[in-house]
Amino acid sequence: MTTTLEVDDYLATAPSERQPALEALREASLRLLPGFSEGLRHGVPSYERAEEVEIAFASEVDYISFHVSRTDVLNAHMVRLVGLSVDEGCIRYRRPDQIDMDVVRSILMMNALTSGVIC
């Protein structure tokens, strides 16, 4: 895992219109994933526990991705993700305003409490 300063750098280089959404994802992850380590894995902000990345997000070319590695957590939230592109543990938001932070917080809180299968 890399340092938090590198996550700062990642966010600073994201497109300005996405930075508030990315900062909100980061803040929620830091607050709601106690005991997780923050850093860059595979070039994106990631949150890991027991050396397994469980949550990550990224500013992609055409969308913001939010990765949830626990299948039970993602499956429990599918009804709240209708209308978004979701597959293989990745939620894709074409616009920052599509991110429902209530859903994100629910995903993070459930993830922190579970030890379900990692996809």
C-alpha atoms as a PDB file:
ATOM      1  CA  MET A   1       0.000   0.000   0.000  1.00  0.00           C
ATOM      2  CA  THR A   2       1.205   3.504  -0.707  1.00  0.00           C
ATOM      3  CA  THR A   3       0.797   6.617   1.395  1.00  0.00           C
ATOM      4  CA  THR A   4      -2.156   8.891   2.020  1.00  0.00           C
ATOM      5  CA  LEU A   5      -0.174  11.718   0.400  1.00  0.00           C
ATOM      6  CA  GLU A   6      -0.302   9.798  -2.857  1.00  0.00           C
ATOM      7  CA  VAL A   7      -4.100   9.644  -2.555  1.00  0.00           C
ATOM      8  CA  ASP A   8      -4.022  13.432  -2.067  1.00  0.00           C
ATOM      9  CA  ASP A   9      -2.024  13.717  -5.305  1.00  0.00           C
ATOM     10  CA  TYR A  10      -4.429  11.404  -7.148  1.00  0.00           C
ATOM     11  CA  LEU A  11      -7.414  13.521  -6.143  1.00  0.00           C
ATOM     12  CA  ALA A  12      -5.624  16.768  -7.003  1.00  0.00           C
ATOM     13  CA  THR A  13      -5.019  15.574 -10.568  1.00  0.00           C
ATOM     14  CA  ALA A  14      -8.634  14.466 -11.175  1.00  0.00           C
ATOM     15  CA  PRO A  15     -10.845  16.697 -13.338  1.00  0.00           C
ATOM     16  CA  SER A  16     -12.060  19.623 -11.239  1.00  0.00           C
ATOM     17  CA  GLU A  17     -15.738  18.822 -11.798  1.00  0.00           C
ATOM     18  CA  ARG A  18     -15.177  15.377 -10.241  1.00  0.00           C
ATOM     19  CA  GLN A  19     -13.034  16.402  -7.283  1.00  0.00           C
ATOM     20  CA  PRO A  20     -15.910  17.127  -4.844  1.00  0.00           C
ATOM     21  CA  ALA A  21     -17.469  13.715  -5.533  1.00  0.00           C
ATOM     22  CA  LEU A  22     -14.128  11.929  -5.173  1.00  0.00           C
ATOM     23  CA  GLU A  23     -13.412  13.794  -1.931  1.00  0.00           C
ATOM     24  CA  ALA A  24     -16.852  12.772  -0.625  1.00  0.00           C
ATOM     25  CA  LEU A  25     -16.122   9.116  -1.438  1.00  0.00           C
ATOM     26  CA  ARG A  26     -12.777   9.392   0.315  1.00  0.00           C
ATOM     27  CA  GLU A  27     -14.158  11.122   3.403  1.00  0.00           C
ATOM     28  CA  ALA A  28     -16.927   8.551   3.770  1.00  0.00           C
ATOM     29  CA  SER A  29     -14.483   5.673   3.308  1.00  0.00           C
ATOM     30  CA  LEU A  30     -12.081   7.045   5.910  1.00  0.00           C
ATOM     31  CA  ARG A  31     -14.888   7.651   8.395  1.00  0.00           C
ATOM     32  CA  LEU A  32     -16.896   4.462   7.895  1.00  0.00           C
ATOM     33  CA  LEU A  33     -14.170   1.869   7.376  1.00  0.00           C
ATOM     34  CA  PRO A  34     -12.435   1.747  10.765  1.00  0.00           C
ATOM     35  CA  GLY A  35      -9.386  -0.467  10.801  1.00  0.00           C
ATOM     36  CA  PHE A  36      -8.888  -0.227   7.040  1.00  0.00           C
ATOM     37  CA  SER A  37      -5.729   1.176   5.461  1.00  0.00           C
ATOM     38  CA  GLU A  38      -5.940   3.859   2.775  1.00  0.00           C
ATOM     39  CA  GLY A  39      -3.540   3.991  -0.113  1.00  0.00           C
ATOM     40  CA  LEU A  40      -3.144   3.571  -3.848  1.00  0.00           C
ATOM     41  CA  ARG A  41      -3.513   0.073  -5.242  1.00  0.00           C
ATOM     42  CA  HIS A  42      -3.418  -0.424  -8.986  1.00  0.00           C
ATOM     43  CA  GLY A  43      -3.150   3.358  -9.260  1.00  0.00           C
ATOM     44  CA  VAL A  44      -6.451   4.207  -7.511  1.00  0.00           C
ATOM     45  CA  PRO A  45      -7.539   5.119  -3.970  1.00  0.00           C
ATOM     46  CA  SER A  46      -8.179   1.858  -2.135  1.00  0.00           C
ATOM     47  CA  TYR A  47      -9.179   0.678   1.319  1.00  0.00           C
ATOM     48  CA  GLU A  48      -7.907  -2.648   2.525  1.00  0.00           C
ATOM     49  CA  ARG A  49      -8.216  -4.881   5.541  1.00  0.00           C
ATOM     50  CA  ALA A  50      -6.162  -8.013   6.168  1.00  0.00           C
ATOM     51  CA  GLU A  51      -4.187  -7.270   2.985  1.00  0.00           C
ATOM     52  CA  GLU A  52      -7.337  -7.455   0.813  1.00  0.00           C
ATOM     53  CA  VAL A  53      -8.659  -4.430  -1.066  1.00  0.00           C
ATOM     54  CA  GLU A  54     -12.363  -4.266  -0.276  1.00  0.00           C
ATOM     55  CA  ILE A  55     -13.304  -0.770  -1.494  1.00  0.00           C
ATOM     56  CA  ALA A  56     -11.777   1.457  -4.174  1.00  0.00           C
ATOM     57  CA  PHE A  57     -12.800   4.326  -6.392  1.00  0.00           C
ATOM     58  CA  ALA A  58     -11.402   5.971  -9.484  1.00  0.00           C
ATOM     59  CA  SER A  59     -11.860   8.775 -11.944  1.00  0.00           C
ATOM     60  CA  GLU A  60     -12.035   6.952 -15.278  1.00  0.00           C
ATOM     61  CA  VAL A  61     -12.224   8.561 -18.719  1.00  0.00           C
ATOM     62  CA  ASP A  62     -16.024   8.404 -18.982  1.00  0.00           C
ATOM     63  CA  TYR A  63     -17.192   7.832 -15.396  1.00  0.00           C
ATOM     64  CA  ILE A  64     -16.370   7.569 -11.709  1.00  0.00           C
ATOM     65  CA  SER A  65     -16.061   3.960 -10.598  1.00  0.00           C
ATOM     66  CA  PHE A  66     -16.786   2.701  -7.097  1.00  0.00           C
ATOM     67  CA  HIS A  67     -15.486  -0.823  -6.494  1.00  0.00           C
ATOM     68  CA  VAL A  68     -17.043  -3.057  -3.856  1.00  0.00           C
ATOM     69  CA  SER A  69     -15.215  -6.370  -3.493  1.00  0.00           C
ATOM     70  CA  ARG A  70     -17.701  -8.072  -1.177  1.00  0.00           C
ATOM     71  CA  THR A  71     -20.438  -9.669  -3.266  1.00  0.00           C
ATOM     72  CA  ASP A  72     -22.891  -9.876  -0.349  1.00  0.00           C
ATOM     73  CA  VAL A  73     -22.619  -6.132   0.235  1.00  0.00           C
ATOM     74  CA  LEU A  74     -23.076  -5.224  -3.414  1.00  0.00           C
ATOM     75  CA  ASN A  75     -25.972  -7.671  -3.853  1.00  0.00           C
ATOM     76  CA  ALA A  76     -27.746  -6.228  -0.811  1.00  0.00           C
ATOM     77  CA  HIS A  77     -27.707  -2.786  -2.464  1.00  0.00           C
ATOM     78  CA  MET A  78     -28.628  -3.700  -6.049  1.00  0.00           C
ATOM     79  CA  VAL A  79     -32.207  -2.433  -5.739  1.00  0.00           C
ATOM     80  CA  ARG A  80     -30.795   0.991  -4.814  1.00  0.00           C
ATOM     81  CA  LEU A  81     -28.452   1.002  -7.823  1.00  0.00           C
ATOM     82  CA  VAL A  82     -31.078   0.617 -10.543  1.00  0.00           C
ATOM     83  CA  GLY A  83     -30.257   2.738 -13.584  1.00  0.00           C
ATOM     84  CA  LEU A  84     -26.495   2.589 -13.034  1.00  0.00           C
ATOM     85  CA  SER A  85     -23.976   0.377 -14.777  1.00  0.00           C
ATOM     86  CA  VAL A  86     -23.072  -2.316 -12.229  1.00  0.00           C
ATOM     87  CA  ASP A  87     -21.142  -5.520 -12.782  1.00  0.00           C
ATOM     88  CA  GLU A  88     -18.278  -7.519 -11.351  1.00  0.00           C
ATOM     89  CA  GLY A  89     -18.070  -5.417  -8.195  1.00  0.00           C
ATOM     90  CA  CYS A  90     -17.979  -2.076 -10.005  1.00  0.00           C
ATOM     91  CA  ILE A  91     -20.570   0.699  -9.894  1.00  0.00           C
ATOM     92  CA  ARG A  92     -20.116   3.278 -12.661  1.00  0.00           C
ATOM     93  CA  TYR A  93     -21.390   6.831 -12.325  1.00  0.00           C
ATOM     94  CA  ARG A  94     -21.378   8.721 -15.638  1.00  0.00           C
ATOM     95  CA  ARG A  95     -21.904  12.015 -13.792  1.00  0.00           C
ATOM     96  CA  PRO A  96     -20.853  12.979 -10.267  1.00  0.00           C
ATOM     97  CA  ASP A  97     -24.433  13.974  -9.413  1.00  0.00           C
ATOM     98  CA  GLN A  98     -25.522  10.330  -9.884  1.00  0.00           C
ATOM     99  CA  ILE A  99     -23.656   9.339  -6.726  1.00  0.00           C
ATOM    100  CA  ASP A 100     -26.144   8.836  -3.903  1.00  0.00           C
ATOM    101  CA  MET A 101     -24.024   9.279  -0.799  1.00  0.00           C
ATOM    102  CA  ASP A 102     -26.694   7.638   1.370  1.00  0.00           C
ATOM    103  CA  VAL A 103     -26.243   4.452  -0.667  1.00  0.00           C
ATOM    104  CA  VAL A 104     -22.450   4.787  -0.566  1.00  0.00           C
ATOM    105  CA  ARG A 105     -22.511   5.209   3.223  1.00  0.00           C
ATOM    106  CA  SER A 106     -24.784   2.173   3.564  1.00  0.00           C
ATOM    107  CA  ILE A 107     -22.409   0.105   1.418  1.00  0.00           C
ATOM    108  CA  LEU A 108     -19.413   1.224   3.469  1.00  0.00           C
ATOM    109  CA  MET A 109     -21.087   0.567   6.823  1.00  0.00           C
ATOM    110  CA  MET A 110     -22.220  -2.909   5.766  1.00  0.00           C
ATOM    111  CA  ASN A 111     -18.790  -3.645   4.318  1.00  0.00           C
ATOM    112  CA  ALA A 112     -17.110  -2.712   7.596  1.00  0.00           C
ATOM    113  CA  LEU A 113     -19.334  -5.179   9.472  1.00  0.00           C
ATOM    114  CA  THR A 114     -19.162  -8.157   7.122  1.00  0.00           C
ATOM    115  CA  SER A 115     -16.659 -10.783   6.185  1.00  0.00           C
ATOM    116  CA  GLY A 116     -18.501 -12.051   3.120  1.00  0.00           C
ATOM    117  CA  VAL A 117     -16.981 -13.438  -0.030  1.00  0.00           C
ATOM    118  CA  ILE A 118     -14.607 -11.169  -1.902  1.00  0.00           C
ATOM    119  CA  CYS A 119     -15.182 -11.298  -5.649  1.00  0.00           C
END
